[in-house]
Amino acid sequence: MKIVKMECFVVPPRWLFVKVVTDAGIVGWGEPIIEGKAQTVKAAVYELSEYLMGKDPMRIEDHWQTLYRSGFYRGGPILMSAIAGIDQALWDIKGKYYDAPVYQLLGGACRDSVRVYSWIGGDRPGEVAREAREKKEAGFTAIKMNGTEELQYIDSYKKIDEVLERVAAVRDVVGSDFGIGIDFHGRVHKPMAKILAKELEQFRPMFIEEPVLSENNEALREVARASTIPIATGERLYSRWDFKKILSEGYVDIIQPDLSHAGGITECKKIISMAEAYDVAVAPHCPLGPIALAACLQVDATSHNVFIQEQSLGIHYNQGSDLLDYLVDPSIFEYTNGYVNNLEGPGLGIEVNEETVKRQAGIGHNWKNPIWRHKDGTIAEW
């Protein structure tokens, strides 16, 4: 069996799909994307595809190592996302060839299902109490919300109080036995992050996410000293080498590798195993499409230290198209009491509706994240 064609599809709301075709008629799908850089990643996928033409798709590890190590310049969000989508598609092909879900090829399942959480509140969090109640009534047992709007290095306690009021309102409507993840989104600098982490303890959050930007991870030492809330980070780390330092330093309790950004199934399985050796939990990052989520669920099924999975159904980014719109059978992601069962179909366990993909690719997208500025005109972290 040989790879004979690779094709990319830029589809709304902000996703990029790749289709890998073999001469045996088996097709694999992947989701390589950096949100806001779809065309750049698409170009990288096509550059990498030159090596793969005519190759045996079953040699996944060798292809991964070649795509990564054959470039003198390697790593980073664009190249690792391109590799990630290709890797997902190759695993999809392999599973279909053996008529087995990917998780069976990774050693088999250690769980029957995985807990999922839902987003509330949008970029500038508002109406969070109402939305949290709706998610609880829909059967979810955990949500995640943006904690803040933009914050200066040193900002007002009024903004701190506003965060506390929002989280208090959510805790009040969902009760004590409900997970609340609070995403700082890298918007918060070290001085304010320490204050927020300490003040939020009273609400017993499930975790605080990216309390500082990943390039400032050395500050996690001080954030961890300020609070007992579990610290989560990692969506902007792209390889096991990126995760090595934060795991060895011991200040992170939860890592969040993204299977569409951090080298795909092959790499993220290794990252998650590294975390297990450090007694660190995993909550894979996935505010993306159905192929990315399917890849996550395949790895989750085999990973003892995964405790919850992000998913994008109804997320504020999904304008015009949503998570289930590209699937032949949307019920595959049916959430029951806050959990989703392992996917049992061959490969990634989903059937992509190619007709819908091609139609939506005709629409495409040019999604970009907003650009925020502080009152003094300086650029703010989004």
Protein backbone atom coordinates (compact mmCIF):
# COMPACT_ATOMS: atom_id res chain seq x y z
CA MET A 1 0.00 0.00 0.00
CA LYS A 2 1.34 3.43 -0.99
CA ILE A 3 0.34 7.05 -0.40
CA VAL A 4 -0.72 8.54 -3.71
CA LYS A 5 -2.39 11.84 -2.84
CA MET A 6 -2.83 14.41 -0.06
CA GLU A 7 -5.41 17.16 -0.14
CA CYS A 8 -6.20 19.99 2.29
CA PHE A 9 -9.57 21.62 2.95
CA VAL A 10 -9.96 24.97 4.72
CA VAL A 11 -13.43 24.76 6.26
CA PRO A 12 -15.50 26.99 8.54
CA PRO A 13 -15.62 27.97 11.28
CA ARG A 14 -11.79 27.98 11.58
CA TRP A 15 -10.50 24.50 10.77
CA LEU A 16 -8.20 22.75 8.31
CA PHE A 17 -8.65 19.10 7.32
CA VAL A 18 -6.20 16.89 5.43
CA LYS A 19 -7.15 13.80 3.42
CA VAL A 20 -4.49 11.17 2.73
CA VAL A 21 -5.31 8.74 -0.10
CA THR A 22 -3.70 5.35 -0.73
CA ASP A 23 -3.56 3.16 -3.82
CA ALA A 24 -5.55 0.55 -1.88
CA GLY A 25 -8.51 2.89 -1.67
CA ILE A 26 -8.14 3.45 2.08
CA VAL A 27 -8.41 7.11 3.02
CA GLY A 28 -7.29 8.77 6.24
CA TRP A 29 -8.33 12.12 7.70
CA GLY A 30 -6.44 14.51 9.95
CA GLU A 31 -6.89 18.01 11.34
CA PRO A 32 -3.73 20.12 11.11
CA ILE A 33 -4.49 23.66 12.19
CA ILE A 34 -3.14 26.63 14.05
CA GLU A 35 -6.12 28.84 14.71
CA GLY A 36 -5.63 31.99 12.66
CA LYS A 37 -2.87 30.49 10.48
CA ALA A 38 -4.79 27.97 8.37
CA GLN A 39 -3.16 28.91 5.06
CA THR A 40 0.33 28.79 6.57
CA VAL A 41 -0.20 25.31 7.98
CA LYS A 42 -1.77 24.20 4.71
CA ALA A 43 1.41 25.24 2.88
CA ALA A 44 3.51 23.32 5.41
CA VAL A 45 1.38 20.19 4.93
CA TYR A 46 1.91 20.33 1.18
CA GLU A 47 5.66 20.84 1.62
CA LEU A 48 5.86 17.79 3.90
CA SER A 49 3.68 15.75 1.55
CA GLU A 50 6.46 15.71 -1.04
CA TYR A 51 8.36 13.22 1.10
CA LEU A 52 5.33 10.97 1.69
CA MET A 53 4.25 10.37 -1.89
CA GLY A 54 4.79 6.72 -2.78
CA LYS A 55 5.61 5.74 0.80
CA ASP A 56 3.99 2.99 2.86
CA PRO A 57 1.50 4.71 5.21
CA MET A 58 1.92 1.97 7.83
CA ARG A 59 5.43 3.14 8.85
CA ILE A 60 4.02 5.88 11.06
CA GLU A 61 6.88 6.16 13.54
CA ASP A 62 9.48 6.35 10.78
CA HIS A 63 7.46 8.97 8.90
CA TRP A 64 7.06 11.03 12.07
CA GLN A 65 10.77 10.91 12.82
CA THR A 66 11.64 11.78 9.22
CA LEU A 67 9.23 14.70 8.98
CA TYR A 68 10.52 16.07 12.29
CA ARG A 69 14.25 15.32 12.12
CA SER A 70 14.91 15.80 8.41
CA GLY A 71 14.47 19.54 8.75
CA PHE A 72 17.39 21.49 10.17
CA TYR A 73 14.81 23.92 11.61
CA ARG A 74 12.16 22.01 13.48
CA GLY A 75 9.42 22.30 16.05
CA GLY A 76 7.11 25.23 16.68
CA PRO A 77 3.38 25.62 16.07
CA ILE A 78 3.29 25.53 12.26
CA LEU A 79 5.52 22.54 11.55
CA MET A 80 4.26 20.51 14.49
CA SER A 81 0.62 21.15 13.55
CA ALA A 82 1.31 20.07 9.98
CA ILE A 83 2.95 16.88 11.24
CA ALA A 84 0.06 16.38 13.68
CA GLY A 85 -2.63 16.34 11.02
CA ILE A 86 -0.63 14.02 8.77
CA ASP A 87 0.03 11.71 11.72
CA GLN A 88 -3.67 11.55 12.61
CA ALA A 89 -4.51 10.62 9.02
CA LEU A 90 -1.88 7.86 8.93
CA TRP A 91 -3.27 6.34 12.13
CA ASP A 92 -6.75 6.57 10.60
CA ILE A 93 -5.50 4.58 7.60
CA LYS A 94 -3.77 2.00 9.78
CA GLY A 95 -6.85 1.44 11.91
CA LYS A 96 -9.04 1.06 8.84
CA TYR A 97 -6.55 -1.42 7.34
CA TYR A 98 -6.74 -3.60 10.46
CA ASP A 99 -10.46 -2.87 10.99
CA ALA A 100 -9.76 -1.67 14.53
CA PRO A 101 -9.98 1.62 16.44
CA VAL A 102 -6.63 3.34 16.86
CA TYR A 103 -6.68 2.80 20.61
CA GLN A 104 -6.45 -0.97 20.05
CA LEU A 105 -3.26 -0.42 18.04
CA LEU A 106 -1.83 1.70 20.89
CA GLY A 107 -2.10 -1.12 23.42
CA GLY A 108 -5.82 -1.21 24.11
CA ALA A 109 -8.11 0.71 26.39
CA CYS A 110 -7.63 1.36 30.10
CA ARG A 111 -11.06 3.02 30.37
CA ASP A 112 -14.55 2.74 28.90
CA SER A 113 -15.26 6.47 28.67
CA VAL A 114 -13.76 9.85 29.44
CA ARG A 115 -15.24 12.88 31.17
CA VAL A 116 -15.72 15.99 29.01
CA TYR A 117 -16.22 19.64 29.79
CA SER A 118 -18.03 22.42 27.95
CA TRP A 119 -17.11 26.07 27.38
CA ILE A 120 -19.16 28.99 28.67
CA GLY A 121 -18.87 32.75 28.53
CA GLY A 122 -17.02 33.64 25.35
CA ASP A 123 -13.87 35.73 24.96
CA ARG A 124 -15.10 38.46 27.28
CA PRO A 125 -16.90 36.40 29.91
CA GLY A 126 -20.51 37.38 30.53
CA GLU A 127 -23.77 35.58 31.28
CA VAL A 128 -21.66 32.82 32.80
CA ALA A 129 -24.10 31.83 35.53
CA ARG A 130 -26.94 31.27 33.07
CA GLU A 131 -24.74 29.32 30.69
CA ALA A 132 -23.27 27.22 33.50
CA ARG A 133 -26.78 26.27 34.61
CA GLU A 134 -27.65 25.28 31.03
CA LYS A 135 -24.59 23.06 30.76
CA LYS A 136 -25.38 21.36 34.06
CA GLU A 137 -28.96 20.77 32.94
CA ALA A 138 -27.59 19.29 29.68
CA GLY A 139 -25.72 16.69 31.73
CA PHE A 140 -22.19 18.10 31.88
CA THR A 141 -20.34 17.83 35.18
CA ALA A 142 -17.70 20.43 34.38
CA ILE A 143 -17.27 23.68 32.46
CA LYS A 144 -14.44 26.02 31.53
CA MET A 145 -14.62 29.79 31.31
CA ASN A 146 -12.29 32.67 30.56
CA GLY A 147 -11.55 34.31 33.87
CA THR A 148 -10.63 37.81 32.78
CA GLU A 149 -10.69 40.37 30.05
CA GLU A 150 -7.39 42.10 29.28
CA LEU A 151 -5.14 42.86 32.26
CA GLN A 152 -2.12 45.11 32.51
CA TYR A 153 1.06 43.95 34.27
CA ILE A 154 -0.27 45.77 37.32
CA ASP A 155 -3.99 46.38 37.15
CA SER A 156 -6.88 47.37 39.42
CA TYR A 157 -8.41 45.30 42.19
CA LYS A 158 -11.74 46.19 40.61
CA LYS A 159 -10.91 43.76 37.80
CA ILE A 160 -9.92 41.13 40.36
CA ASP A 161 -13.27 41.62 42.09
CA GLU A 162 -15.10 41.23 38.77
CA VAL A 163 -13.43 37.86 38.20
CA LEU A 164 -14.37 36.71 41.69
CA GLU A 165 -17.98 37.82 41.20
CA ARG A 166 -18.28 35.82 37.98
CA VAL A 167 -16.79 32.66 39.46
CA ALA A 168 -18.93 33.04 42.60
CA ALA A 169 -22.03 33.28 40.43
CA VAL A 170 -21.10 30.10 38.58
CA ARG A 171 -20.31 28.19 41.77
CA ASP A 172 -23.63 29.31 43.24
CA VAL A 173 -25.70 27.86 40.37
CA VAL A 174 -23.77 24.62 39.78
CA GLY A 175 -23.17 23.65 43.41
CA SER A 176 -20.07 22.37 45.15
CA ASP A 177 -19.69 19.04 43.29
CA PHE A 178 -19.10 20.47 39.81
CA GLY A 179 -15.85 21.18 37.99
CA ILE A 180 -14.96 24.77 37.12
CA GLY A 181 -11.90 25.37 34.97
CA ILE A 182 -10.75 28.99 34.85
CA ASP A 183 -8.69 29.93 31.81
CA PHE A 184 -6.35 32.88 32.33
CA HIS A 185 -5.59 32.46 28.57
CA GLY A 186 -2.13 33.95 28.97
CA ARG A 187 -3.82 37.34 29.45
CA VAL A 188 -2.49 37.70 32.97
CA HIS A 189 1.05 38.71 33.88
CA LYS A 190 2.89 37.35 36.90
CA PRO A 191 2.03 40.10 39.43
CA MET A 192 -1.72 39.81 38.89
CA ALA A 193 -1.64 36.04 38.37
CA LYS A 194 -0.40 35.53 41.92
CA ILE A 195 -3.23 37.66 43.31
CA LEU A 196 -5.89 35.94 41.23
CA ALA A 197 -4.65 32.44 42.06
CA LYS A 198 -4.80 33.18 45.77
CA GLU A 199 -8.19 34.91 45.69
CA LEU A 200 -9.82 32.16 43.59
CA GLU A 201 -8.97 29.41 46.08
CA GLN A 202 -12.22 29.95 47.97
CA PHE A 203 -14.24 28.65 45.00
CA ARG A 204 -12.25 25.39 44.72
CA PRO A 205 -11.73 25.47 40.95
CA MET A 206 -10.89 22.29 39.06
CA PHE A 207 -7.84 24.12 37.70
CA ILE A 208 -6.49 27.47 36.54
CA GLU A 209 -5.22 27.35 32.97
CA GLU A 210 -2.27 29.22 31.50
CA PRO A 211 -1.95 31.52 34.51
CA VAL A 212 0.96 33.08 32.62
CA LEU A 213 2.09 32.87 29.01
CA SER A 214 4.00 29.71 28.18
CA GLU A 215 7.12 31.75 27.42
CA ASN A 216 6.98 32.91 31.06
CA ASN A 217 6.57 29.46 32.60
CA GLU A 218 9.37 30.13 35.07
CA ALA A 219 6.78 32.30 36.88
CA LEU A 220 4.69 29.20 37.65
CA ARG A 221 6.94 28.65 40.67
CA GLU A 222 5.58 31.82 42.29
CA VAL A 223 1.99 31.17 41.20
CA ALA A 224 2.15 27.69 42.73
CA ARG A 225 3.45 29.14 45.99
CA ALA A 226 0.54 31.59 46.09
CA SER A 227 -2.22 29.00 45.76
CA THR A 228 -3.17 25.34 46.11
CA ILE A 229 -5.35 25.35 42.96
CA PRO A 230 -4.08 22.83 40.37
CA ILE A 231 -2.17 24.60 37.60
CA ALA A 232 -2.80 23.55 33.98
CA THR A 233 -0.82 24.58 30.92
CA GLY A 234 0.58 23.24 27.68
CA GLU A 235 -1.66 24.13 24.74
CA ARG A 236 1.20 26.29 23.40
CA LEU A 237 3.87 23.62 23.82
CA TYR A 238 4.49 21.49 20.76
CA SER A 239 6.74 18.52 21.55
CA ARG A 240 8.03 16.27 24.32
CA TRP A 241 11.09 18.50 24.45
CA ASP A 242 8.89 21.53 25.19
CA PHE A 243 7.13 19.64 27.99
CA LYS A 244 10.33 18.22 29.49
CA LYS A 245 11.23 21.37 31.42
CA ILE A 246 7.84 22.07 32.99
CA LEU A 247 7.43 18.45 34.02
CA SER A 248 10.86 18.26 35.62
CA GLU A 249 10.37 21.54 37.51
CA GLY A 250 7.26 20.17 39.20
CA TYR A 251 4.98 23.22 39.37
CA VAL A 252 2.37 22.03 36.87
CA ASP A 253 -0.39 19.63 37.95
CA ILE A 254 -2.17 19.20 34.59
CA ILE A 255 -0.73 19.34 31.09
CA GLN A 256 -2.86 20.15 28.05
CA PRO A 257 -1.15 18.97 24.86
CA ASP A 258 -3.17 19.58 21.71
CA LEU A 259 -3.24 16.61 19.35
CA SER A 260 -3.56 18.96 16.35
CA HIS A 261 -0.64 21.14 17.47
CA ALA A 262 1.81 18.87 19.30
CA GLY A 263 2.78 16.32 16.69
CA GLY A 264 -0.43 14.29 16.61
CA ILE A 265 -1.23 10.91 18.12
CA THR A 266 2.35 9.61 17.96
CA GLU A 267 3.88 12.53 19.85
CA CYS A 268 1.08 13.21 22.31
CA LYS A 269 0.98 9.58 23.46
CA LYS A 270 4.65 10.00 24.39
CA ILE A 271 4.05 13.35 26.10
CA ILE A 272 1.18 11.89 28.14
CA SER A 273 3.34 8.93 29.19
CA MET A 274 6.07 11.35 30.27
CA ALA A 275 3.54 13.17 32.43
CA GLU A 276 2.45 9.93 34.07
CA ALA A 277 6.03 9.37 35.23
CA TYR A 278 5.86 12.76 37.00
CA ASP A 279 2.41 12.01 38.55
CA VAL A 280 0.88 14.79 36.43
CA ALA A 281 -2.68 14.66 35.10
CA VAL A 282 -3.67 15.37 31.49
CA ALA A 283 -6.61 17.28 29.99
CA PRO A 284 -5.96 17.40 26.22
CA HIS A 285 -6.64 20.76 24.61
CA CYS A 286 -9.25 20.60 21.82
CA PRO A 287 -11.41 23.65 20.99
CA LEU A 288 -11.32 22.34 17.41
CA GLY A 289 -13.20 20.09 15.00
CA PRO A 290 -14.39 16.49 14.96
CA ILE A 291 -11.22 14.89 13.59
CA ALA A 292 -9.11 16.48 16.32
CA LEU A 293 -11.58 15.33 18.98
CA ALA A 294 -11.65 11.79 17.59
CA ALA A 295 -7.85 11.67 17.73
CA CYS A 296 -7.96 12.86 21.34
CA LEU A 297 -10.50 10.22 22.33
CA GLN A 298 -8.40 7.44 20.80
CA VAL A 299 -5.39 8.46 22.89
CA ASP A 300 -7.52 9.17 25.98
CA ALA A 301 -8.78 5.59 25.90
CA THR A 302 -5.22 4.32 26.42
CA SER A 303 -4.01 6.95 28.93
CA HIS A 304 -4.45 6.37 32.65
CA ASN A 305 -3.64 9.96 33.66
CA VAL A 306 -6.17 11.68 31.35
CA PHE A 307 -8.91 12.92 33.67
CA ILE A 308 -11.01 15.12 31.38
CA GLN A 309 -11.27 16.08 27.70
CA GLU A 310 -11.99 19.48 26.17
CA GLN A 311 -14.54 19.52 23.33
CA SER A 312 -15.93 22.35 21.24
CA LEU A 313 -19.66 21.68 20.87
CA GLY A 314 -21.36 25.07 21.17
CA ILE A 315 -18.10 26.96 21.80
CA HIS A 316 -18.23 30.66 20.96
CA TYR A 317 -15.79 30.23 18.05
CA ASN A 318 -18.10 27.87 16.16
CA GLN A 319 -20.08 30.39 14.14
CA GLY A 320 -21.80 28.96 11.06
CA SER A 321 -20.52 25.39 11.54
CA ASP A 322 -20.20 23.27 14.64
CA LEU A 323 -18.47 20.12 15.82
CA LEU A 324 -21.00 17.62 14.46
CA ASP A 325 -21.68 19.16 11.05
CA TYR A 326 -18.93 17.28 9.19
CA LEU A 327 -19.85 13.77 10.40
CA VAL A 328 -21.98 11.16 8.67
CA ASP A 329 -23.12 9.98 12.13
CA PRO A 330 -23.14 12.87 14.65
CA SER A 331 -24.34 10.54 17.44
CA ILE A 332 -20.81 9.15 17.67
CA PHE A 333 -19.96 11.96 20.12
CA GLU A 334 -23.06 11.52 22.27
CA TYR A 335 -22.35 12.83 25.77
CA THR A 336 -24.03 10.98 28.65
CA ASN A 337 -23.84 12.32 32.21
CA GLY A 338 -20.78 14.33 31.27
CA TYR A 339 -18.90 11.43 29.66
CA VAL A 340 -18.30 10.16 26.12
CA ASN A 341 -17.66 6.50 25.36
CA ASN A 342 -14.59 5.21 23.57
CA LEU A 343 -14.98 5.34 19.79
CA GLU A 344 -15.24 1.77 18.50
CA GLY A 345 -15.22 2.28 14.72
CA PRO A 346 -12.09 1.54 12.68
CA GLY A 347 -9.31 4.13 12.53
CA LEU A 348 -10.22 7.34 14.31
CA GLY A 349 -13.72 5.96 14.79
CA ILE A 350 -15.60 8.58 12.78
CA GLU A 351 -16.86 8.83 9.21
CA VAL A 352 -16.17 12.24 7.68
CA ASN A 353 -18.88 13.55 5.36
CA GLU A 354 -16.64 14.37 2.42
CA GLU A 355 -19.45 15.96 0.44
CA THR A 356 -20.00 18.47 3.25
CA VAL A 357 -16.25 19.06 3.59
CA LYS A 358 -15.89 19.91 -0.10
CA ARG A 359 -18.96 22.13 -0.10
CA GLN A 360 -17.78 24.04 2.97
CA ALA A 361 -14.24 24.30 1.60
CA GLY A 362 -15.81 26.32 -1.20
CA ILE A 363 -16.79 28.82 1.49
CA GLY A 364 -13.56 28.51 3.47
CA HIS A 365 -12.61 30.96 6.20
CA ASN A 366 -10.06 33.57 7.13
CA TRP A 367 -10.52 33.37 10.91
CA LYS A 368 -8.25 35.57 13.00
CA ASN A 369 -8.26 36.14 16.72
CA PRO A 370 -9.19 39.65 17.84
CA ILE A 371 -6.54 42.25 18.56
CA TRP A 372 -7.02 43.93 21.92
CA ARG A 373 -5.44 47.09 23.27
CA HIS A 374 -5.25 48.61 26.71
CA LYS A 375 -6.56 52.10 27.41
CA ASP A 376 -3.07 53.51 26.95
CA GLY A 377 -2.88 52.05 23.44
CA THR A 378 -0.45 49.23 24.19
CA ILE A 379 -1.23 45.80 22.76
CA ALA A 380 -3.00 43.48 25.16
CA GLU A 381 -2.80 39.69 25.34
CA TRP A 382 -5.89 38.05 23.88
